[in-house]
Amino acid sequence: MDNLDKLFCVQCGSQSLILKKPDGDTHVRTVCQNCNHIIYQNPKIVTGSVCSYKDKILLCKRAIDPQKGLWTLPAGYLEVNESIEEGAVREAYEEAFAKIQIVRLLATYSLKHISQIQVIYEAKLLNEDIKAGIESLEVGLFGWDEIPWEQLAFESVRWALRNFKERQNSNTFVVFNNPN
């Protein structure tokens, strides 16, 4: 954690924070010198879905950074007091006003370089009544050959789409992970 002088303890309000390995721990953490509260930094959880309608996939053109103007799946950060499935349903509605039904888990991706865990579901779009939400410039349903592969926002979107296609062509159930 950089710039400890700009942070404060959420427990007591002190700005006396240091980096140290607390007793019984295996990692260096930010610790308050005043009350000994340990500030843990944990990965963020992203939830989303590959939503299909007939033979088409829902994609959203991002209206926000990072990767503004590029295409992505409906996905975003999990909220407090929300299940991962509820988050995926909410994100589809927020980004595309899409009403979806979760089918099953598709993949989990660990993006260590940004401390992010992505949980992606396979979902059915219940109807084609979609429109851009506040986080999307536009939304669309794309056949496999119509997907704008060179304009996808994130590598994990490519992984999820390919994993979805692989699952469609298989009779076995596999939860996919990061490609090697």
N, C-alpha and C. Protein backbone atom coordinates (compact mmCIF):
# COMPACT_ATOMS: atom_id res chain seq x y z
N MET A 1 0.86 -1.18 0.00
CA MET A 1 0.00 0.00 0.00
C MET A 1 0.90 1.23 0.00
N ASP A 2 0.79 2.05 -1.01
CA ASP A 2 1.62 3.25 -1.12
C ASP A 2 0.94 4.43 -0.42
N ASN A 3 1.73 5.47 -0.15
CA ASN A 3 1.21 6.71 0.42
C ASN A 3 0.47 6.50 1.73
N LEU A 4 1.13 5.83 2.68
CA LEU A 4 0.49 5.59 3.98
C LEU A 4 0.15 6.89 4.69
N ASP A 5 0.88 7.97 4.38
CA ASP A 5 0.62 9.26 5.03
C ASP A 5 -0.74 9.85 4.65
N LYS A 6 -1.36 9.35 3.58
CA LYS A 6 -2.65 9.86 3.14
C LYS A 6 -3.81 9.01 3.64
N LEU A 7 -3.50 7.92 4.34
CA LEU A 7 -4.54 7.01 4.82
C LEU A 7 -4.77 7.19 6.31
N PHE A 8 -5.88 6.64 6.76
CA PHE A 8 -6.17 6.67 8.19
C PHE A 8 -6.80 5.34 8.58
N CYS A 9 -6.73 5.04 9.85
CA CYS A 9 -7.30 3.81 10.38
C CYS A 9 -8.82 3.93 10.43
N VAL A 10 -9.51 2.96 9.88
CA VAL A 10 -10.98 2.97 9.88
C VAL A 10 -11.53 2.66 11.27
N GLN A 11 -10.69 2.12 12.14
CA GLN A 11 -11.11 1.76 13.49
C GLN A 11 -11.06 2.96 14.44
N CYS A 12 -9.92 3.69 14.43
CA CYS A 12 -9.74 4.76 15.41
C CYS A 12 -9.49 6.14 14.79
N GLY A 13 -9.26 6.20 13.48
CA GLY A 13 -9.04 7.47 12.80
C GLY A 13 -7.61 7.94 12.77
N SER A 14 -6.71 7.23 13.41
CA SER A 14 -5.30 7.61 13.46
C SER A 14 -4.67 7.54 12.07
N GLN A 15 -3.69 8.41 11.84
CA GLN A 15 -2.92 8.35 10.60
C GLN A 15 -1.56 7.68 10.82
N SER A 16 -1.38 7.07 11.97
CA SER A 16 -0.12 6.38 12.30
C SER A 16 -0.16 4.95 11.78
N LEU A 17 -0.01 4.81 10.48
CA LEU A 17 -0.05 3.48 9.85
C LEU A 17 1.36 3.07 9.43
N ILE A 18 1.64 1.78 9.60
CA ILE A 18 2.93 1.24 9.19
C ILE A 18 2.70 -0.08 8.46
N LEU A 19 3.72 -0.47 7.71
CA LEU A 19 3.71 -1.78 7.08
C LEU A 19 4.50 -2.74 7.95
N LYS A 20 3.89 -3.85 8.33
CA LYS A 20 4.59 -4.86 9.11
C LYS A 20 3.88 -6.20 8.99
N LYS A 21 4.58 -7.25 9.38
CA LYS A 21 3.98 -8.58 9.39
C LYS A 21 3.44 -8.82 10.80
N PRO A 22 2.10 -8.81 10.96
CA PRO A 22 1.52 -9.03 12.29
C PRO A 22 1.86 -10.42 12.82
N ASP A 23 1.91 -10.55 14.12
CA ASP A 23 2.15 -11.85 14.74
C ASP A 23 1.12 -12.85 14.23
N GLY A 24 1.60 -14.02 13.86
CA GLY A 24 0.71 -15.08 13.39
C GLY A 24 0.29 -14.94 11.94
N ASP A 25 0.81 -13.95 11.25
CA ASP A 25 0.46 -13.74 9.84
C ASP A 25 1.65 -14.10 8.96
N THR A 26 1.40 -14.30 7.69
CA THR A 26 2.47 -14.64 6.75
C THR A 26 2.75 -13.53 5.75
N HIS A 27 1.97 -12.45 5.80
CA HIS A 27 2.13 -11.35 4.84
C HIS A 27 2.34 -10.03 5.57
N VAL A 28 3.02 -9.13 4.89
CA VAL A 28 3.14 -7.76 5.39
C VAL A 28 1.80 -7.07 5.16
N ARG A 29 1.33 -6.38 6.17
CA ARG A 29 0.03 -5.70 6.12
C ARG A 29 0.19 -4.25 6.57
N THR A 30 -0.83 -3.46 6.32
CA THR A 30 -0.90 -2.11 6.88
C THR A 30 -1.53 -2.24 8.26
N VAL A 31 -0.82 -1.70 9.27
CA VAL A 31 -1.27 -1.85 10.66
C VAL A 31 -1.28 -0.47 11.31
N CYS A 32 -2.32 -0.20 12.09
CA CYS A 32 -2.41 1.05 12.84
C CYS A 32 -1.52 0.93 14.09
N GLN A 33 -0.61 1.89 14.27
CA GLN A 33 0.24 1.88 15.46
C GLN A 33 -0.53 2.28 16.70
N ASN A 34 -1.64 2.96 16.54
CA ASN A 34 -2.41 3.44 17.68
C ASN A 34 -3.27 2.34 18.30
N CYS A 35 -4.02 1.60 17.48
CA CYS A 35 -4.95 0.58 18.01
C CYS A 35 -4.64 -0.84 17.54
N ASN A 36 -3.60 -0.99 16.73
CA ASN A 36 -3.18 -2.29 16.18
C ASN A 36 -4.18 -2.93 15.21
N HIS A 37 -5.11 -2.15 14.71
CA HIS A 37 -6.05 -2.67 13.71
C HIS A 37 -5.28 -3.00 12.43
N ILE A 38 -5.57 -4.16 11.85
CA ILE A 38 -4.93 -4.59 10.61
C ILE A 38 -5.85 -4.26 9.45
N ILE A 39 -5.30 -3.58 8.46
CA ILE A 39 -6.07 -3.23 7.26
C ILE A 39 -5.72 -4.25 6.19
N TYR A 40 -6.67 -5.10 5.86
CA TYR A 40 -6.46 -6.13 4.86
C TYR A 40 -6.84 -5.60 3.48
N GLN A 41 -6.01 -5.91 2.51
CA GLN A 41 -6.35 -5.61 1.12
C GLN A 41 -6.65 -6.94 0.45
N ASN A 42 -7.88 -7.11 -0.01
CA ASN A 42 -8.30 -8.35 -0.63
C ASN A 42 -8.71 -8.11 -2.07
N PRO A 43 -8.67 -9.16 -2.89
CA PRO A 43 -9.07 -8.99 -4.29
C PRO A 43 -10.52 -8.54 -4.42
N LYS A 44 -10.79 -7.82 -5.49
CA LYS A 44 -12.16 -7.44 -5.84
C LYS A 44 -12.80 -8.59 -6.61
N ILE A 45 -14.08 -8.77 -6.42
CA ILE A 45 -14.82 -9.82 -7.12
C ILE A 45 -15.68 -9.17 -8.20
N VAL A 46 -15.50 -9.66 -9.43
CA VAL A 46 -16.30 -9.22 -10.57
C VAL A 46 -17.21 -10.38 -10.95
N THR A 47 -18.46 -10.07 -11.21
CA THR A 47 -19.40 -11.09 -11.64
C THR A 47 -20.06 -10.65 -12.94
N GLY A 48 -20.33 -11.60 -13.80
CA GLY A 48 -20.93 -11.27 -15.08
C GLY A 48 -21.42 -12.51 -15.79
N SER A 49 -21.84 -12.33 -17.03
CA SER A 49 -22.41 -13.47 -17.74
C SER A 49 -22.24 -13.34 -19.25
N VAL A 50 -22.18 -14.51 -19.88
CA VAL A 50 -22.31 -14.61 -21.33
C VAL A 50 -23.78 -14.90 -21.56
N CYS A 51 -24.51 -13.91 -22.04
CA CYS A 51 -25.97 -14.01 -22.20
C CYS A 51 -26.28 -14.34 -23.66
N SER A 52 -26.99 -15.43 -23.85
CA SER A 52 -27.33 -15.83 -25.22
C SER A 52 -28.83 -15.73 -25.45
N TYR A 53 -29.16 -15.37 -26.68
CA TYR A 53 -30.55 -15.34 -27.13
C TYR A 53 -30.57 -15.94 -28.52
N LYS A 54 -31.22 -17.09 -28.64
CA LYS A 54 -31.17 -17.86 -29.87
C LYS A 54 -29.71 -18.15 -30.17
N ASP A 55 -29.17 -17.72 -31.27
CA ASP A 55 -27.76 -17.98 -31.58
C ASP A 55 -26.91 -16.72 -31.47
N LYS A 56 -27.34 -15.79 -30.64
CA LYS A 56 -26.62 -14.53 -30.53
C LYS A 56 -26.18 -14.29 -29.09
N ILE A 57 -25.14 -13.45 -28.96
CA ILE A 57 -24.54 -13.12 -27.67
C ILE A 57 -24.71 -11.63 -27.41
N LEU A 58 -25.09 -11.28 -26.17
CA LEU A 58 -25.23 -9.88 -25.77
C LEU A 58 -23.86 -9.28 -25.46
N LEU A 59 -23.55 -8.17 -26.11
CA LEU A 59 -22.35 -7.40 -25.81
C LEU A 59 -22.74 -5.95 -25.55
N CYS A 60 -21.94 -5.29 -24.71
CA CYS A 60 -22.18 -3.90 -24.33
C CYS A 60 -20.95 -3.07 -24.66
N LYS A 61 -21.15 -1.94 -25.31
CA LYS A 61 -20.03 -1.02 -25.59
C LYS A 61 -19.87 -0.11 -24.38
N ARG A 62 -18.69 -0.14 -23.77
CA ARG A 62 -18.44 0.56 -22.51
C ARG A 62 -18.55 2.08 -22.66
N ALA A 63 -19.27 2.71 -21.71
CA ALA A 63 -19.39 4.16 -21.67
C ALA A 63 -18.44 4.75 -20.62
N ILE A 64 -17.70 3.89 -19.93
CA ILE A 64 -16.81 4.33 -18.86
C ILE A 64 -15.42 3.72 -19.05
N ASP A 65 -14.44 4.38 -18.46
CA ASP A 65 -13.10 3.81 -18.43
C ASP A 65 -13.03 2.76 -17.33
N PRO A 66 -12.16 1.80 -17.44
CA PRO A 66 -11.19 1.63 -18.50
C PRO A 66 -11.83 1.03 -19.76
N GLN A 67 -11.16 1.25 -20.87
CA GLN A 67 -11.56 0.69 -22.16
C GLN A 67 -12.88 1.25 -22.69
N LYS A 68 -13.14 2.51 -22.40
CA LYS A 68 -14.33 3.18 -22.92
C LYS A 68 -14.39 3.04 -24.43
N GLY A 69 -15.57 2.71 -24.95
CA GLY A 69 -15.78 2.59 -26.39
C GLY A 69 -15.52 1.20 -26.94
N LEU A 70 -15.08 0.28 -26.10
CA LEU A 70 -14.86 -1.09 -26.54
C LEU A 70 -15.95 -2.00 -26.00
N TRP A 71 -16.09 -3.17 -26.61
CA TRP A 71 -17.18 -4.09 -26.29
C TRP A 71 -16.80 -5.04 -25.15
N THR A 72 -17.79 -5.38 -24.35
CA THR A 72 -17.59 -6.28 -23.22
C THR A 72 -18.85 -7.08 -22.94
N LEU A 73 -18.73 -8.00 -22.03
CA LEU A 73 -19.90 -8.72 -21.51
C LEU A 73 -20.49 -7.88 -20.39
N PRO A 74 -21.77 -8.06 -20.08
CA PRO A 74 -22.31 -7.38 -18.90
C PRO A 74 -21.67 -7.97 -17.65
N ALA A 75 -20.93 -7.15 -16.94
CA ALA A 75 -20.21 -7.61 -15.75
C ALA A 75 -19.80 -6.40 -14.92
N GLY A 76 -19.54 -6.63 -13.65
CA GLY A 76 -19.08 -5.56 -12.78
C GLY A 76 -18.82 -6.07 -11.38
N TYR A 77 -18.46 -5.14 -10.52
CA TYR A 77 -18.11 -5.51 -9.15
C TYR A 77 -19.32 -6.00 -8.36
N LEU A 78 -19.09 -7.02 -7.58
CA LEU A 78 -20.11 -7.55 -6.68
C LEU A 78 -20.37 -6.52 -5.58
N GLU A 79 -21.62 -6.33 -5.23
CA GLU A 79 -22.00 -5.40 -4.17
C GLU A 79 -22.07 -6.13 -2.83
N VAL A 80 -22.00 -5.37 -1.75
CA VAL A 80 -22.14 -5.92 -0.40
C VAL A 80 -23.54 -6.52 -0.26
N ASN A 81 -23.64 -7.63 0.43
CA ASN A 81 -24.91 -8.33 0.68
C ASN A 81 -25.59 -8.81 -0.59
N GLU A 82 -24.81 -9.21 -1.57
CA GLU A 82 -25.33 -9.68 -2.85
C GLU A 82 -24.64 -11.00 -3.18
N SER A 83 -25.42 -11.97 -3.64
CA SER A 83 -24.80 -13.22 -4.10
C SER A 83 -24.15 -12.97 -5.46
N ILE A 84 -23.26 -13.86 -5.84
CA ILE A 84 -22.58 -13.71 -7.13
C ILE A 84 -23.60 -13.78 -8.26
N GLU A 85 -24.56 -14.69 -8.15
CA GLU A 85 -25.60 -14.81 -9.18
C GLU A 85 -26.47 -13.56 -9.25
N GLU A 86 -26.85 -13.03 -8.08
CA GLU A 86 -27.64 -11.80 -8.06
C GLU A 86 -26.87 -10.65 -8.72
N GLY A 87 -25.58 -10.60 -8.47
CA GLY A 87 -24.75 -9.57 -9.07
C GLY A 87 -24.71 -9.67 -10.59
N ALA A 88 -24.60 -10.89 -11.11
CA ALA A 88 -24.58 -11.09 -12.56
C ALA A 88 -25.90 -10.65 -13.19
N VAL A 89 -27.01 -10.98 -12.54
CA VAL A 89 -28.34 -10.57 -13.03
C VAL A 89 -28.45 -9.05 -12.99
N ARG A 90 -28.02 -8.44 -11.89
CA ARG A 90 -28.08 -6.98 -11.75
C ARG A 90 -27.24 -6.28 -12.82
N GLU A 91 -26.02 -6.77 -13.03
CA GLU A 91 -25.14 -6.14 -14.02
C GLU A 91 -25.74 -6.19 -15.42
N ALA A 92 -26.35 -7.31 -15.79
CA ALA A 92 -26.98 -7.42 -17.12
C ALA A 92 -28.10 -6.39 -17.25
N TYR A 93 -28.85 -6.18 -16.16
CA TYR A 93 -29.93 -5.21 -16.21
C TYR A 93 -29.39 -3.78 -16.23
N GLU A 94 -28.38 -3.49 -15.40
CA GLU A 94 -27.81 -2.14 -15.35
C GLU A 94 -27.19 -1.72 -16.68
N GLU A 95 -26.51 -2.64 -17.32
CA GLU A 95 -25.75 -2.29 -18.52
C GLU A 95 -26.56 -2.39 -19.81
N ALA A 96 -27.61 -3.24 -19.81
CA ALA A 96 -28.35 -3.45 -21.06
C ALA A 96 -29.85 -3.58 -20.86
N PHE A 97 -30.34 -3.30 -19.67
CA PHE A 97 -31.75 -3.52 -19.34
C PHE A 97 -32.17 -4.93 -19.74
N ALA A 98 -31.22 -5.85 -19.66
CA ALA A 98 -31.45 -7.24 -20.06
C ALA A 98 -32.00 -8.05 -18.90
N LYS A 99 -33.05 -8.78 -19.17
CA LYS A 99 -33.59 -9.72 -18.19
C LYS A 99 -33.03 -11.09 -18.53
N ILE A 100 -32.30 -11.67 -17.57
CA ILE A 100 -31.62 -12.93 -17.84
C ILE A 100 -31.96 -13.98 -16.80
N GLN A 101 -31.69 -15.20 -17.17
CA GLN A 101 -31.80 -16.33 -16.25
C GLN A 101 -30.44 -17.04 -16.25
N ILE A 102 -29.84 -17.15 -15.07
CA ILE A 102 -28.56 -17.85 -14.95
C ILE A 102 -28.78 -19.33 -15.26
N VAL A 103 -27.94 -19.89 -16.11
CA VAL A 103 -28.01 -21.31 -16.46
C VAL A 103 -27.05 -22.11 -15.60
N ARG A 104 -25.77 -21.70 -15.61
CA ARG A 104 -24.76 -22.40 -14.83
C ARG A 104 -23.46 -21.61 -14.85
N LEU A 105 -22.58 -21.98 -13.95
CA LEU A 105 -21.26 -21.36 -13.90
C LEU A 105 -20.48 -21.71 -15.16
N LEU A 106 -19.86 -20.71 -15.75
CA LEU A 106 -19.05 -20.93 -16.94
C LEU A 106 -17.56 -20.96 -16.60
N ALA A 107 -17.10 -19.95 -15.85
CA ALA A 107 -15.65 -19.84 -15.62
C ALA A 107 -15.34 -18.97 -14.42
N THR A 108 -14.16 -19.20 -13.88
CA THR A 108 -13.58 -18.29 -12.88
C THR A 108 -12.19 -17.92 -13.39
N TYR A 109 -11.89 -16.64 -13.35
CA TYR A 109 -10.60 -16.15 -13.82
C TYR A 109 -9.92 -15.38 -12.69
N SER A 110 -8.65 -15.66 -12.47
CA SER A 110 -7.85 -14.95 -11.47
C SER A 110 -6.92 -13.98 -12.19
N LEU A 111 -7.18 -12.70 -12.01
CA LEU A 111 -6.35 -11.67 -12.63
C LEU A 111 -5.47 -11.06 -11.55
N LYS A 112 -4.37 -11.74 -11.26
CA LYS A 112 -3.51 -11.36 -10.15
C LYS A 112 -2.92 -9.96 -10.32
N HIS A 113 -2.62 -9.57 -11.54
CA HIS A 113 -1.98 -8.27 -11.77
C HIS A 113 -2.86 -7.08 -11.37
N ILE A 114 -4.17 -7.32 -11.25
CA ILE A 114 -5.08 -6.26 -10.80
C ILE A 114 -5.89 -6.69 -9.58
N SER A 115 -5.46 -7.78 -8.93
CA SER A 115 -6.13 -8.30 -7.72
C SER A 115 -7.63 -8.44 -7.93
N GLN A 116 -7.98 -9.18 -8.96
CA GLN A 116 -9.39 -9.34 -9.31
C GLN A 116 -9.72 -10.81 -9.56
N ILE A 117 -10.85 -11.23 -9.06
CA ILE A 117 -11.39 -12.56 -9.32
C ILE A 117 -12.66 -12.34 -10.14
N GLN A 118 -12.75 -12.99 -11.29
CA GLN A 118 -13.95 -12.87 -12.13
C GLN A 118 -14.71 -14.19 -12.11
N VAL A 119 -16.00 -14.10 -11.84
CA VAL A 119 -16.89 -15.26 -11.85
C VAL A 119 -17.91 -15.01 -12.96
N ILE A 120 -17.85 -15.84 -13.99
CA ILE A 120 -18.68 -15.63 -15.18
C ILE A 120 -19.65 -16.79 -15.35
N TYR A 121 -20.90 -16.45 -15.58
CA TYR A 121 -21.97 -17.43 -15.76
C TYR A 121 -22.40 -17.52 -17.21
N GLU A 122 -22.98 -18.64 -17.55
CA GLU A 122 -23.72 -18.80 -18.79
C GLU A 122 -25.15 -18.42 -18.44
N ALA A 123 -25.78 -17.57 -19.25
CA ALA A 123 -27.14 -17.11 -18.96
C ALA A 123 -27.96 -17.06 -20.23
N LYS A 124 -29.26 -17.18 -20.05
CA LYS A 124 -30.21 -17.04 -21.16
C LYS A 124 -30.83 -15.65 -21.07
N LEU A 125 -30.80 -14.94 -22.18
CA LEU A 125 -31.50 -13.67 -22.29
C LEU A 125 -32.96 -14.01 -22.53
N LEU A 126 -33.86 -13.50 -21.69
CA LEU A 126 -35.26 -13.92 -21.74
C LEU A 126 -36.03 -13.33 -22.91
N ASN A 127 -35.55 -12.19 -23.43
CA ASN A 127 -36.16 -11.60 -24.63
C ASN A 127 -35.14 -10.66 -25.26
N GLU A 128 -35.43 -10.17 -26.44
CA GLU A 128 -34.46 -9.29 -27.11
C GLU A 128 -34.70 -7.82 -26.81
N ASP A 129 -35.47 -7.53 -25.79
CA ASP A 129 -35.75 -6.16 -25.39
C ASP A 129 -34.57 -5.63 -24.56
N ILE A 130 -33.57 -5.10 -25.25
CA ILE A 130 -32.38 -4.57 -24.60
C ILE A 130 -32.15 -3.14 -25.08
N LYS A 131 -31.51 -2.35 -24.24
CA LYS A 131 -31.09 -1.00 -24.61
C LYS A 131 -29.95 -0.60 -23.68
N ALA A 132 -29.18 0.37 -24.11
CA ALA A 132 -28.01 0.78 -23.35
C ALA A 132 -28.39 1.37 -22.00
N GLY A 133 -27.74 0.88 -20.97
CA GLY A 133 -27.87 1.45 -19.63
C GLY A 133 -26.85 2.57 -19.47
N ILE A 134 -26.74 3.10 -18.27
CA ILE A 134 -25.88 4.25 -18.01
C ILE A 134 -24.40 3.95 -18.23
N GLU A 135 -23.98 2.68 -18.08
CA GLU A 135 -22.57 2.33 -18.26
C GLU A 135 -22.26 1.85 -19.68
N SER A 136 -23.25 1.91 -20.57
CA SER A 136 -23.05 1.43 -21.94
C SER A 136 -23.38 2.52 -22.95
N LEU A 137 -22.55 2.61 -24.00
CA LEU A 137 -22.84 3.53 -25.10
C LEU A 137 -23.88 2.92 -26.03
N GLU A 138 -23.77 1.61 -26.22
CA GLU A 138 -24.75 0.86 -27.01
C GLU A 138 -24.65 -0.60 -26.62
N VAL A 139 -25.66 -1.35 -26.97
CA VAL A 139 -25.68 -2.79 -26.72
C VAL A 139 -26.14 -3.48 -28.00
N GLY A 140 -25.79 -4.74 -28.12
CA GLY A 140 -26.21 -5.47 -29.31
C GLY A 140 -26.14 -6.97 -29.12
N LEU A 141 -26.87 -7.66 -29.99
CA LEU A 141 -26.84 -9.12 -30.04
C LEU A 141 -26.02 -9.50 -31.27
N PHE A 142 -25.00 -10.32 -31.05
CA PHE A 142 -24.05 -10.67 -32.10
C PHE A 142 -24.01 -12.17 -32.33
N GLY A 143 -24.11 -12.57 -33.61
CA GLY A 143 -23.82 -13.94 -33.97
C GLY A 143 -22.32 -14.18 -33.80
N TRP A 144 -21.91 -15.43 -33.71
CA TRP A 144 -20.50 -15.75 -33.47
C TRP A 144 -19.58 -15.07 -34.49
N ASP A 145 -19.97 -15.08 -35.74
CA ASP A 145 -19.14 -14.48 -36.80
C ASP A 145 -19.23 -12.96 -36.83
N GLU A 146 -20.11 -12.38 -36.03
CA GLU A 146 -20.28 -10.92 -36.00
C GLU A 146 -19.58 -10.28 -34.80
N ILE A 147 -19.07 -11.08 -33.88
CA ILE A 147 -18.44 -10.53 -32.68
C ILE A 147 -17.24 -9.68 -33.08
N PRO A 148 -17.16 -8.44 -32.58
CA PRO A 148 -16.04 -7.56 -32.93
C PRO A 148 -14.79 -7.91 -32.11
N TRP A 149 -14.14 -9.02 -32.47
CA TRP A 149 -13.03 -9.57 -31.68
C TRP A 149 -11.92 -8.54 -31.45
N GLU A 150 -11.64 -7.70 -32.41
CA GLU A 150 -10.55 -6.73 -32.27
C GLU A 150 -10.97 -5.51 -31.45
N GLN A 151 -12.24 -5.43 -31.12
CA GLN A 151 -12.74 -4.29 -30.34
C GLN A 151 -13.26 -4.73 -28.98
N LEU A 152 -12.82 -5.90 -28.49
CA LEU A 152 -13.23 -6.36 -27.16
C LEU A 152 -12.36 -5.68 -26.11
N ALA A 153 -12.98 -5.28 -25.02
CA ALA A 153 -12.32 -4.47 -24.01
C ALA A 153 -11.24 -5.20 -23.23
N PHE A 154 -11.45 -6.47 -22.94
CA PHE A 154 -10.55 -7.18 -22.04
C PHE A 154 -10.27 -8.59 -22.55
N GLU A 155 -9.09 -9.08 -22.24
CA GLU A 155 -8.73 -10.44 -22.63
C GLU A 155 -9.68 -11.46 -22.00
N SER A 156 -10.12 -11.20 -20.78
CA SER A 156 -11.03 -12.14 -20.11
C SER A 156 -12.38 -12.24 -20.83
N VAL A 157 -12.78 -11.22 -21.57
CA VAL A 157 -14.00 -11.30 -22.38
C VAL A 157 -13.79 -12.31 -23.50
N ARG A 158 -12.61 -12.26 -24.13
CA ARG A 158 -12.28 -13.26 -25.17
C ARG A 158 -12.31 -14.67 -24.58
N TRP A 159 -11.68 -14.83 -23.40
CA TRP A 159 -11.65 -16.15 -22.75
C TRP A 159 -13.07 -16.66 -22.54
N ALA A 160 -13.93 -15.79 -21.98
CA ALA A 160 -15.30 -16.22 -21.65
C ALA A 160 -16.07 -16.59 -22.91
N LEU A 161 -15.94 -15.80 -23.95
CA LEU A 161 -16.65 -16.12 -25.20
C LEU A 161 -16.16 -17.44 -25.78
N ARG A 162 -14.85 -17.65 -25.78
CA ARG A 162 -14.31 -18.91 -26.30
C ARG A 162 -14.71 -20.09 -25.42
N ASN A 163 -14.71 -19.89 -24.11
CA ASN A 163 -15.15 -20.95 -23.20
C ASN A 163 -16.62 -21.28 -23.41
N PHE A 164 -17.43 -20.25 -23.64
CA PHE A 164 -18.85 -20.46 -23.92
C PHE A 164 -19.02 -21.30 -25.19
N LYS A 165 -18.29 -20.93 -26.24
CA LYS A 165 -18.38 -21.66 -27.51
C LYS A 165 -17.92 -23.10 -27.33
N GLU A 166 -16.85 -23.30 -26.59
CA GLU A 166 -16.35 -24.66 -26.34
C GLU A 166 -17.38 -25.49 -25.60
N ARG A 167 -18.04 -24.88 -24.62
CA ARG A 167 -19.06 -25.60 -23.87
C ARG A 167 -20.25 -25.95 -24.77
N GLN A 168 -20.61 -25.05 -25.69
CA GLN A 168 -21.74 -25.31 -26.60
C GLN A 168 -21.47 -26.53 -27.47
N ASN A 169 -20.20 -26.78 -27.74
CA ASN A 169 -19.82 -27.89 -28.62
C ASN A 169 -19.43 -29.15 -27.84
N SER A 170 -19.78 -29.22 -26.56
CA SER A 170 -19.37 -30.35 -25.74
C SER A 170 -20.55 -30.87 -24.92
N ASN A 171 -20.51 -32.14 -24.62
CA ASN A 171 -21.54 -32.75 -23.77
C ASN A 171 -21.11 -32.81 -22.32
N THR A 172 -19.89 -32.39 -22.01
CA THR A 172 -19.40 -32.48 -20.64
C THR A 172 -19.48 -31.12 -19.97
N PHE A 173 -19.58 -31.15 -18.64
CA PHE A 173 -19.62 -29.91 -17.87
C PHE A 173 -18.23 -29.63 -17.32
N VAL A 174 -17.69 -28.50 -17.68
CA VAL A 174 -16.38 -28.08 -17.21
C VAL A 174 -16.50 -26.63 -16.77
N VAL A 175 -15.91 -26.30 -15.62
CA VAL A 175 -15.77 -24.90 -15.24
C VAL A 175 -14.39 -24.47 -15.72
N PHE A 176 -14.35 -23.47 -16.55
CA PHE A 176 -13.11 -23.02 -17.15
C PHE A 176 -12.36 -22.08 -16.21
N ASN A 177 -11.04 -21.99 -16.42
CA ASN A 177 -10.17 -21.08 -15.67
C ASN A 177 -9.28 -20.34 -16.66
N ASN A 178 -8.35 -19.55 -16.13
CA ASN A 178 -7.41 -18.83 -16.99
C ASN A 178 -6.75 -19.79 -17.97
N PRO A 179 -6.63 -19.39 -19.23
CA PRO A 179 -5.88 -20.23 -20.16
C PRO A 179 -4.40 -20.19 -19.80
N ASN A 180 -3.69 -21.24 -20.14
CA ASN A 180 -2.24 -21.28 -19.84
C ASN A 180 -1.45 -20.51 -20.86
